Amino acid sequence: MADDVQTRTPQVPEQFGARLRVTLVRALARRCPYCGSGGIFSSWFTLRERCPACRTLFAYEDGYFLGAYALNLVVTELVAVGLTLWLLAATDLSVLQLQIIGVTLAVALPITFYPVAVCLWMVIDVTFHPPDKESGRPRR
């Protein structure tokens, strides 16, 4: 860790609704759900092991992000199919054009949505398993 980075204390509200609201806003901005700081991704597809600010370990068990992959796939493919069906009903595009648009959406949306899906998965975890005050880790 760099010397110029100060360690922040995780700040997650106690109440369920407030915790969901705060962490959801943080996830949509691709920020740490525990403290709200940025820089948790080293690249588009690579989440850092720990938050650079609060040092919270993100994947604290094997397979932690499997749900994020499923969330990413289900949400993006439903959006791709929905948009394609809407285009089918609302426009007079040819079948070939609709197929090209549908395949492009089915490939591009999961890639685009991936970092948000990872953050949303952490939001689900933090919301239903709030962190312990002493350790900052979710209570199990």
C-alpha atoms as a PDB file:
ATOM      1  CA  MET A   1       0.000   0.000   0.000  1.00  0.00           C
ATOM      2  CA  ALA A   2       1.284   3.457  -0.848  1.00  0.00           C
ATOM      3  CA  ASP A   3       2.284   5.734   1.997  1.00  0.00           C
ATOM      4  CA  ASP A   4       0.203   8.635   0.679  1.00  0.00           C
ATOM      5  CA  VAL A   5      -3.090   6.692   0.933  1.00  0.00           C
ATOM      6  CA  GLN A   6      -4.923   7.055   4.226  1.00  0.00           C
ATOM      7  CA  THR A   7      -6.856   4.078   5.532  1.00  0.00           C
ATOM      8  CA  ARG A   8     -10.580   4.833   5.775  1.00  0.00           C
ATOM      9  CA  THR A   9     -12.976   3.200   8.184  1.00  0.00           C
ATOM     10  CA  PRO A  10     -15.793   1.257   6.511  1.00  0.00           C
ATOM     11  CA  GLN A  11     -19.011   3.255   6.774  1.00  0.00           C
ATOM     12  CA  VAL A  12     -22.150   1.200   6.227  1.00  0.00           C
ATOM     13  CA  PRO A  13     -25.468   2.338   7.742  1.00  0.00           C
ATOM     14  CA  GLU A  14     -27.084   0.087  10.343  1.00  0.00           C
ATOM     15  CA  GLN A  15     -30.660   0.262   9.020  1.00  0.00           C
ATOM     16  CA  PHE A  16     -31.511  -2.121   6.166  1.00  0.00           C
ATOM     17  CA  GLY A  17     -33.104   0.467   3.838  1.00  0.00           C
ATOM     18  CA  ALA A  18     -30.381   3.051   4.319  1.00  0.00           C
ATOM     19  CA  ARG A  19     -27.679   0.403   3.907  1.00  0.00           C
ATOM     20  CA  LEU A  20     -29.250  -0.782   0.642  1.00  0.00           C
ATOM     21  CA  ARG A  21     -29.616   2.775  -0.687  1.00  0.00           C
ATOM     22  CA  VAL A  22     -26.058   3.859   0.199  1.00  0.00           C
ATOM     23  CA  THR A  23     -24.354   0.719  -1.082  1.00  0.00           C
ATOM     24  CA  LEU A  24     -26.444   0.681  -4.280  1.00  0.00           C
ATOM     25  CA  VAL A  25     -25.358   4.217  -5.163  1.00  0.00           C
ATOM     26  CA  ARG A  26     -21.755   3.225  -4.462  1.00  0.00           C
ATOM     27  CA  ALA A  27     -22.056   0.130  -6.678  1.00  0.00           C
ATOM     28  CA  LEU A  28     -23.486   2.030  -9.622  1.00  0.00           C
ATOM     29  CA  ALA A  29     -20.497   4.379  -9.368  1.00  0.00           C
ATOM     30  CA  ARG A  30     -18.107   1.355  -9.168  1.00  0.00           C
ATOM     31  CA  ARG A  31     -16.972   2.292  -5.662  1.00  0.00           C
ATOM     32  CA  CYS A  32     -16.251   0.257  -2.555  1.00  0.00           C
ATOM     33  CA  PRO A  33     -19.554  -0.747  -0.907  1.00  0.00           C
ATOM     34  CA  TYR A  34     -17.921  -0.518   2.534  1.00  0.00           C
ATOM     35  CA  CYS A  35     -16.344   2.956   2.469  1.00  0.00           C
ATOM     36  CA  GLY A  36     -17.379   4.550  -0.842  1.00  0.00           C
ATOM     37  CA  SER A  37     -13.890   5.155  -2.204  1.00  0.00           C
ATOM     38  CA  GLY A  38     -12.987   4.611  -5.846  1.00  0.00           C
ATOM     39  CA  GLY A  39     -10.154   2.706  -7.418  1.00  0.00           C
ATOM     40  CA  ILE A  40     -11.364  -0.780  -6.516  1.00  0.00           C
ATOM     41  CA  PHE A  41     -10.802  -2.013 -10.089  1.00  0.00           C
ATOM     42  CA  SER A  42      -7.276  -2.231 -11.489  1.00  0.00           C
ATOM     43  CA  SER A  43      -8.732  -2.809 -14.981  1.00  0.00           C
ATOM     44  CA  TRP A  44     -12.196  -3.274 -16.468  1.00  0.00           C
ATOM     45  CA  PHE A  45     -12.279  -6.979 -15.550  1.00  0.00           C
ATOM     46  CA  THR A  46      -9.985  -7.030 -12.510  1.00  0.00           C
ATOM     47  CA  LEU A  47     -11.248  -6.204  -9.041  1.00  0.00           C
ATOM     48  CA  ARG A  48      -8.487  -5.529  -6.553  1.00  0.00           C
ATOM     49  CA  GLU A  49      -8.166  -8.043  -3.735  1.00  0.00           C
ATOM     50  CA  ARG A  50      -8.724  -5.300  -1.131  1.00  0.00           C
ATOM     51  CA  CYS A  51     -10.151  -1.806  -1.153  1.00  0.00           C
ATOM     52  CA  PRO A  52      -7.248   0.636  -1.488  1.00  0.00           C
ATOM     53  CA  ALA A  53      -8.802   2.935   1.115  1.00  0.00           C
ATOM     54  CA  CYS A  54     -10.415   0.785   3.841  1.00  0.00           C
ATOM     55  CA  ARG A  55      -8.405  -2.406   3.111  1.00  0.00           C
ATOM     56  CA  THR A  56     -11.537  -4.587   3.210  1.00  0.00           C
ATOM     57  CA  LEU A  57     -10.999  -7.991   1.620  1.00  0.00           C
ATOM     58  CA  PHE A  58     -13.647  -8.351  -1.092  1.00  0.00           C
ATOM     59  CA  ALA A  59     -13.656 -12.092  -1.846  1.00  0.00           C
ATOM     60  CA  TYR A  60     -13.386 -13.555   1.639  1.00  0.00           C
ATOM     61  CA  GLU A  61     -14.352 -17.094   0.547  1.00  0.00           C
ATOM     62  CA  ASP A  62     -13.809 -19.305  -2.488  1.00  0.00           C
ATOM     63  CA  GLY A  63     -16.443 -18.803  -5.169  1.00  0.00           C
ATOM     64  CA  TYR A  64     -17.645 -15.539  -3.661  1.00  0.00           C
ATOM     65  CA  PHE A  65     -18.273 -13.887  -7.042  1.00  0.00           C
ATOM     66  CA  LEU A  66     -20.077 -16.797  -8.746  1.00  0.00           C
ATOM     67  CA  GLY A  67     -23.363 -15.051  -8.041  1.00  0.00           C
ATOM     68  CA  ALA A  68     -22.053 -11.909  -9.743  1.00  0.00           C
ATOM     69  CA  TYR A  69     -21.401 -13.867 -12.928  1.00  0.00           C
ATOM     70  CA  ALA A  70     -24.946 -15.263 -12.869  1.00  0.00           C
ATOM     71  CA  LEU A  71     -26.392 -11.826 -12.102  1.00  0.00           C
ATOM     72  CA  ASN A  72     -24.441 -10.337 -14.997  1.00  0.00           C
ATOM     73  CA  LEU A  73     -25.583 -13.012 -17.441  1.00  0.00           C
ATOM     74  CA  VAL A  74     -29.257 -13.027 -16.449  1.00  0.00           C
ATOM     75  CA  VAL A  75     -29.707  -9.246 -16.340  1.00  0.00           C
ATOM     76  CA  THR A  76     -27.853  -8.478 -19.555  1.00  0.00           C
ATOM     77  CA  GLU A  77     -29.416 -11.286 -21.584  1.00  0.00           C
ATOM     78  CA  LEU A  78     -32.918 -10.310 -20.428  1.00  0.00           C
ATOM     79  CA  VAL A  79     -32.201  -6.732 -21.501  1.00  0.00           C
ATOM     80  CA  ALA A  80     -30.812  -7.913 -24.861  1.00  0.00           C
ATOM     81  CA  VAL A  81     -33.835 -10.128 -25.570  1.00  0.00           C
ATOM     82  CA  GLY A  82     -36.239  -7.444 -24.364  1.00  0.00           C
ATOM     83  CA  LEU A  83     -34.707  -4.763 -26.566  1.00  0.00           C
ATOM     84  CA  THR A  84     -34.664  -7.087 -29.566  1.00  0.00           C
ATOM     85  CA  LEU A  85     -38.319  -8.024 -29.061  1.00  0.00           C
ATOM     86  CA  TRP A  86     -39.227  -4.366 -28.643  1.00  0.00           C
ATOM     87  CA  LEU A  87     -37.418  -3.551 -31.914  1.00  0.00           C
ATOM     88  CA  LEU A  88     -39.278  -6.404 -33.592  1.00  0.00           C
ATOM     89  CA  ALA A  89     -42.640  -4.988 -32.483  1.00  0.00           C
ATOM     90  CA  ALA A  90     -41.916  -1.267 -32.823  1.00  0.00           C
ATOM     91  CA  THR A  91     -39.892  -1.067 -36.030  1.00  0.00           C
ATOM     92  CA  ASP A  92     -39.886  -2.541 -39.509  1.00  0.00           C
ATOM     93  CA  LEU A  93     -36.295  -3.805 -39.414  1.00  0.00           C
ATOM     94  CA  SER A  94     -35.490  -6.944 -41.377  1.00  0.00           C
ATOM     95  CA  VAL A  95     -34.909 -10.261 -39.638  1.00  0.00           C
ATOM     96  CA  LEU A  96     -31.197 -10.080 -40.484  1.00  0.00           C
ATOM     97  CA  GLN A  97     -30.899  -6.598 -38.945  1.00  0.00           C
ATOM     98  CA  LEU A  98     -32.689  -7.775 -35.804  1.00  0.00           C
ATOM     99  CA  GLN A  99     -30.393 -10.798 -35.551  1.00  0.00           C
ATOM    100  CA  ILE A 100     -27.300  -8.620 -35.874  1.00  0.00           C
ATOM    101  CA  ILE A 101     -28.589  -6.210 -33.220  1.00  0.00           C
ATOM    102  CA  GLY A 102     -29.616  -9.071 -30.900  1.00  0.00           C
ATOM    103  CA  VAL A 103     -26.261 -10.865 -31.152  1.00  0.00           C
ATOM    104  CA  THR A 104     -24.350  -7.608 -30.713  1.00  0.00           C
ATOM    105  CA  LEU A 105     -26.349  -6.802 -27.573  1.00  0.00           C
ATOM    106  CA  ALA A 106     -25.951 -10.347 -26.225  1.00  0.00           C
ATOM    107  CA  VAL A 107     -22.169 -10.071 -26.554  1.00  0.00           C
ATOM    108  CA  ALA A 108     -21.588  -6.413 -25.656  1.00  0.00           C
ATOM    109  CA  LEU A 109     -23.907  -5.983 -22.671  1.00  0.00           C
ATOM    110  CA  PRO A 110     -22.273  -8.603 -20.380  1.00  0.00           C
ATOM    111  CA  ILE A 111     -18.853  -7.093 -21.086  1.00  0.00           C
ATOM    112  CA  THR A 112     -20.114  -3.574 -20.410  1.00  0.00           C
ATOM    113  CA  PHE A 113     -22.120  -4.497 -17.296  1.00  0.00           C
ATOM    114  CA  TYR A 114     -19.482  -6.757 -15.670  1.00  0.00           C
ATOM    115  CA  PRO A 115     -17.924  -4.289 -13.173  1.00  0.00           C
ATOM    116  CA  VAL A 116     -21.353  -3.073 -12.088  1.00  0.00           C
ATOM    117  CA  ALA A 117     -22.546  -6.674 -11.619  1.00  0.00           C
ATOM    118  CA  VAL A 118     -19.549  -7.398  -9.373  1.00  0.00           C
ATOM    119  CA  CYS A 119     -20.318  -4.299  -7.295  1.00  0.00           C
ATOM    120  CA  LEU A 120     -24.033  -5.168  -7.159  1.00  0.00           C
ATOM    121  CA  TRP A 121     -23.166  -8.633  -5.872  1.00  0.00           C
ATOM    122  CA  MET A 122     -21.162  -7.058  -3.053  1.00  0.00           C
ATOM    123  CA  VAL A 123     -24.151  -4.779  -2.337  1.00  0.00           C
ATOM    124  CA  ILE A 124     -26.415  -7.802  -1.965  1.00  0.00           C
ATOM    125  CA  ASP A 125     -23.914  -9.344   0.453  1.00  0.00           C
ATOM    126  CA  VAL A 126     -23.373  -6.164   2.474  1.00  0.00           C
ATOM    127  CA  THR A 127     -27.114  -5.467   2.626  1.00  0.00           C
ATOM    128  CA  PHE A 128     -28.083  -8.889   3.943  1.00  0.00           C
ATOM    129  CA  HIS A 129     -24.881  -9.512   5.953  1.00  0.00           C
ATOM    130  CA  PRO A 130     -23.859  -6.150   7.446  1.00  0.00           C
ATOM    131  CA  PRO A 131     -20.218  -5.827   8.475  1.00  0.00           C
ATOM    132  CA  ASP A 132     -19.138  -6.385  12.045  1.00  0.00           C
ATOM    133  CA  LYS A 133     -18.042  -3.125  13.739  1.00  0.00           C
ATOM    134  CA  GLU A 134     -14.696  -4.484  14.950  1.00  0.00           C
ATOM    135  CA  SER A 135     -13.499  -6.454  11.928  1.00  0.00           C
ATOM    136  CA  GLY A 136     -15.406  -4.786   9.095  1.00  0.00           C
ATOM    137  CA  ARG A 137     -16.258  -8.263   7.806  1.00  0.00           C
ATOM    138  CA  PRO A 138     -19.830  -9.446   7.335  1.00  0.00           C
ATOM    139  CA  ARG A 139     -21.438 -11.183  10.285  1.00  0.00           C
ATOM    140  CA  ARG A 140     -22.173 -14.833   9.530  1.00  0.00           C
END
